[in-house]
Amino acid sequence: MAILFVLSIPAFAADKVKVPAAGQRVALFDGKTLDGWDILKCEAVVEDGCIRLKAGNGVVQTKKKYNSDFVIEFEWKALREDRWDSGVFFRYESAPESRPWPSRYEVNVRKGDEGNVAGLNGAKCQGLFKKGEWNTFKLTARGTTAELEINGKPAWKVDGLAGPKEGFIGLQAEVPSGGQCLFRNIYITELK
């Protein structure tokens, strides 16, 4: 009887593991641990339900690659009064050994560039960011198009996005020159 019980545990556990279906919103951060993330060339901690980018130049990257068509939602807040700098990378295959960050694409959260994406023509906005407060970003990438909402308002919609069929999501740590940032409520919805 004990052998049957032991053998039934894996089958029971396997039944409880659910792989998210396309279109299902999934939390990338549980608010308690950095499970599901790799910390590359920087220091990050969980503090008060947030990921705090604490030191270094690097990236806190998902362990898993995601479909290139997705909706990413996240909240962030700068901890400095001035010269903050961070961002969220998407649609990249790896962080290069010779550099602290991937070469593209990054939804910037650097002072003065909040919400802009370098190398993506027309992906610029102004006036939607709230200094010293939590800001909510919602990025949708589908095929060659991308669009961003900041604090519930449309920021931009552009065409010209490229990239692999799947890639990592990464939080940029640029602490020595840009100061610390907090991230929370990070979700992804993979699209068909």
Protein backbone atom coordinates (compact mmCIF):
# COMPACT_ATOMS: atom_id res chain seq x y z
CA MET A 1 0.00 0.00 0.00
CA ALA A 2 2.87 2.39 0.82
CA ILE A 3 4.42 1.74 -2.60
CA LEU A 4 1.18 2.62 -4.36
CA PHE A 5 0.93 5.81 -2.35
CA VAL A 6 4.49 6.87 -3.24
CA LEU A 7 3.89 6.12 -6.90
CA SER A 8 0.69 8.11 -6.90
CA ILE A 9 2.33 11.31 -5.61
CA PRO A 10 4.12 12.20 -8.87
CA ALA A 11 0.98 11.52 -10.88
CA PHE A 12 -1.05 13.71 -8.53
CA ALA A 13 1.59 16.47 -8.62
CA ALA A 14 1.77 16.32 -12.42
CA ASP A 15 -2.00 16.82 -12.58
CA LYS A 16 -1.66 20.03 -10.53
CA VAL A 17 1.02 21.61 -12.78
CA LYS A 18 -0.67 23.75 -15.39
CA VAL A 19 1.07 25.23 -18.39
CA PRO A 20 -0.47 28.64 -19.16
CA ALA A 21 -2.45 28.76 -22.37
CA ALA A 22 -1.95 31.48 -24.95
CA GLY A 23 -3.93 34.51 -23.87
CA GLN A 24 -3.64 33.75 -20.15
CA ARG A 25 -2.13 36.50 -17.96
CA VAL A 26 0.75 35.11 -15.87
CA ALA A 27 2.69 36.74 -13.03
CA LEU A 28 6.44 36.86 -13.72
CA PHE A 29 7.16 37.97 -10.14
CA ASP A 30 5.47 36.51 -7.07
CA GLY A 31 6.28 39.48 -4.81
CA LYS A 32 8.32 37.26 -2.45
CA THR A 33 11.24 35.63 -4.29
CA LEU A 34 13.33 35.91 -7.42
CA ASP A 35 12.28 32.40 -8.49
CA GLY A 36 11.97 32.41 -12.26
CA TRP A 37 14.68 35.06 -12.70
CA ASP A 38 18.44 34.99 -13.33
CA ILE A 39 20.58 37.85 -12.03
CA LEU A 40 23.35 38.69 -14.49
CA LYS A 41 26.20 41.12 -13.66
CA CYS A 42 24.22 43.04 -11.03
CA GLU A 43 22.60 42.76 -7.62
CA ALA A 44 18.86 42.59 -7.03
CA VAL A 45 16.77 41.79 -3.96
CA VAL A 46 13.11 41.40 -3.06
CA GLU A 47 12.05 44.17 -0.72
CA ASP A 48 8.50 44.97 0.43
CA GLY A 49 6.94 43.02 -2.45
CA CYS A 50 9.17 44.64 -5.09
CA ILE A 51 12.27 43.77 -7.07
CA ARG A 52 14.89 46.33 -6.08
CA LEU A 53 17.77 46.80 -8.51
CA LYS A 54 20.42 47.33 -5.88
CA ALA A 55 23.87 47.50 -7.52
CA GLY A 56 25.84 47.04 -10.71
CA ASN A 57 25.31 47.18 -14.45
CA GLY A 58 23.45 44.12 -15.66
CA VAL A 59 20.08 42.54 -16.15
CA VAL A 60 17.58 40.58 -14.07
CA GLN A 61 16.29 38.22 -16.73
CA THR A 62 13.49 35.68 -16.87
CA LYS A 63 14.72 32.09 -16.84
CA LYS A 64 12.21 31.30 -19.58
CA LYS A 65 11.95 32.68 -23.09
CA TYR A 66 8.51 33.90 -24.12
CA ASN A 67 6.61 34.10 -27.39
CA SER A 68 7.51 37.28 -29.30
CA ASP A 69 3.83 38.29 -29.40
CA PHE A 70 2.80 39.35 -25.91
CA VAL A 71 1.47 41.94 -23.52
CA ILE A 72 3.83 42.87 -20.68
CA GLU A 73 2.49 44.90 -17.77
CA PHE A 74 4.62 46.26 -14.94
CA GLU A 75 4.84 49.01 -12.36
CA TRP A 76 8.08 50.81 -11.60
CA LYS A 77 9.34 53.62 -9.43
CA ALA A 78 12.69 55.47 -9.33
CA LEU A 79 14.28 55.81 -5.91
CA ARG A 80 16.35 58.90 -6.77
CA GLU A 81 15.16 62.45 -7.17
CA ASP A 82 17.28 62.86 -10.30
CA ARG A 83 19.24 60.88 -12.94
CA TRP A 84 17.35 57.58 -12.57
CA ASP A 85 18.01 55.02 -15.27
CA SER A 86 16.64 51.55 -15.92
CA GLY A 87 14.40 49.82 -18.42
CA VAL A 88 12.71 46.62 -19.49
CA PHE A 89 14.28 44.61 -22.33
CA PHE A 90 12.20 42.37 -24.57
CA ARG A 91 12.55 40.18 -27.67
CA TYR A 92 16.20 39.28 -27.12
CA GLU A 93 17.90 35.89 -27.20
CA SER A 94 20.79 36.50 -24.80
CA ALA A 95 22.72 39.09 -22.84
CA PRO A 96 26.17 39.29 -24.44
CA GLU A 97 29.25 38.36 -22.40
CA SER A 98 31.07 41.54 -23.46
CA ARG A 99 28.28 43.97 -22.46
CA PRO A 100 26.08 44.37 -19.41
CA TRP A 101 22.82 44.50 -21.41
CA PRO A 102 21.21 43.17 -24.57
CA SER A 103 21.52 45.40 -27.64
CA ARG A 104 17.74 45.86 -28.13
CA TYR A 105 14.75 46.40 -27.48
CA GLU A 106 14.36 48.37 -24.23
CA VAL A 107 11.34 50.24 -22.94
CA ASN A 108 13.32 52.96 -21.24
CA VAL A 109 12.67 54.28 -17.75
CA ARG A 110 15.63 56.69 -17.82
CA LYS A 111 14.92 60.26 -16.78
CA GLY A 112 13.60 62.15 -19.79
CA ASP A 113 13.14 58.98 -21.87
CA GLU A 114 10.39 57.25 -19.87
CA GLY A 115 8.57 54.93 -22.28
CA ASN A 116 10.83 55.54 -25.29
CA VAL A 117 12.36 52.65 -27.25
CA ALA A 118 15.62 53.46 -29.06
CA GLY A 119 15.88 51.97 -32.53
CA LEU A 120 12.11 51.78 -32.98
CA ASN A 121 11.08 54.76 -35.11
CA GLY A 122 8.24 56.74 -33.51
CA ALA A 123 8.38 54.98 -30.12
CA LYS A 124 8.61 58.23 -28.16
CA CYS A 125 6.29 59.89 -25.70
CA GLN A 126 6.12 62.80 -23.29
CA GLY A 127 4.01 63.94 -20.39
CA LEU A 128 2.57 60.62 -19.16
CA PHE A 129 5.18 59.75 -16.53
CA LYS A 130 4.62 60.75 -12.88
CA LYS A 131 7.83 61.69 -11.06
CA GLY A 132 8.28 60.16 -7.59
CA GLU A 133 5.26 57.87 -8.00
CA TRP A 134 4.53 54.35 -9.20
CA ASN A 135 4.06 54.28 -12.96
CA THR A 136 2.23 51.53 -14.85
CA PHE A 137 3.46 50.49 -18.29
CA LYS A 138 1.64 48.13 -20.65
CA LEU A 139 3.58 47.05 -23.74
CA THR A 140 1.92 45.05 -26.53
CA ALA A 141 4.08 43.45 -29.24
CA ARG A 142 2.45 41.59 -32.11
CA GLY A 143 4.33 40.78 -35.30
CA THR A 144 6.07 43.95 -36.41
CA THR A 145 3.90 46.33 -34.36
CA ALA A 146 4.34 47.55 -30.82
CA GLU A 147 2.31 49.90 -28.65
CA LEU A 148 2.70 51.29 -25.17
CA GLU A 149 0.29 52.62 -22.57
CA ILE A 150 1.59 54.60 -19.60
CA ASN A 151 -0.67 54.99 -16.59
CA GLY A 152 -3.66 53.87 -18.66
CA LYS A 153 -3.12 56.35 -21.52
CA PRO A 154 -1.84 55.60 -25.05
CA ALA A 155 1.80 56.66 -25.43
CA TRP A 156 2.65 55.44 -28.95
CA LYS A 157 1.96 52.76 -31.56
CA VAL A 158 4.57 51.91 -34.18
CA ASP A 159 5.51 49.42 -36.87
CA GLY A 160 9.02 48.12 -37.55
CA LEU A 161 9.59 45.70 -34.68
CA ALA A 162 11.82 42.72 -35.49
CA GLY A 163 13.29 39.98 -33.40
CA PRO A 164 13.29 36.29 -32.67
CA LYS A 165 10.18 34.12 -32.38
CA GLU A 166 10.81 33.95 -28.64
CA GLY A 167 12.98 35.83 -26.19
CA PHE A 168 13.71 36.82 -22.63
CA ILE A 169 12.26 39.67 -20.59
CA GLY A 170 14.89 41.59 -18.61
CA LEU A 171 14.98 44.39 -16.05
CA GLN A 172 17.96 46.67 -16.63
CA ALA A 173 20.18 47.50 -13.67
CA GLU A 174 22.21 50.64 -14.33
CA VAL A 175 22.76 51.59 -10.74
CA PRO A 176 26.23 53.23 -10.68
CA SER A 177 25.18 56.06 -12.99
CA GLY A 178 21.40 55.92 -12.71
CA GLY A 179 20.41 54.91 -9.22
CA GLN A 180 18.12 52.22 -7.91
CA CYS A 181 14.63 51.40 -9.19
CA LEU A 182 11.78 49.24 -7.93
CA PHE A 183 9.57 46.93 -10.03
CA ARG A 184 6.37 45.15 -9.01
CA ASN A 185 3.19 43.62 -10.47
CA ILE A 186 5.02 42.19 -13.50
CA TYR A 187 2.75 40.17 -15.81
CA ILE A 188 2.94 38.68 -19.27
CA THR A 189 0.18 37.48 -21.56
CA GLU A 190 1.48 35.47 -24.51
CA LEU A 191 -0.59 36.05 -27.64
CA LYS A 192 -1.31 33.55 -30.41
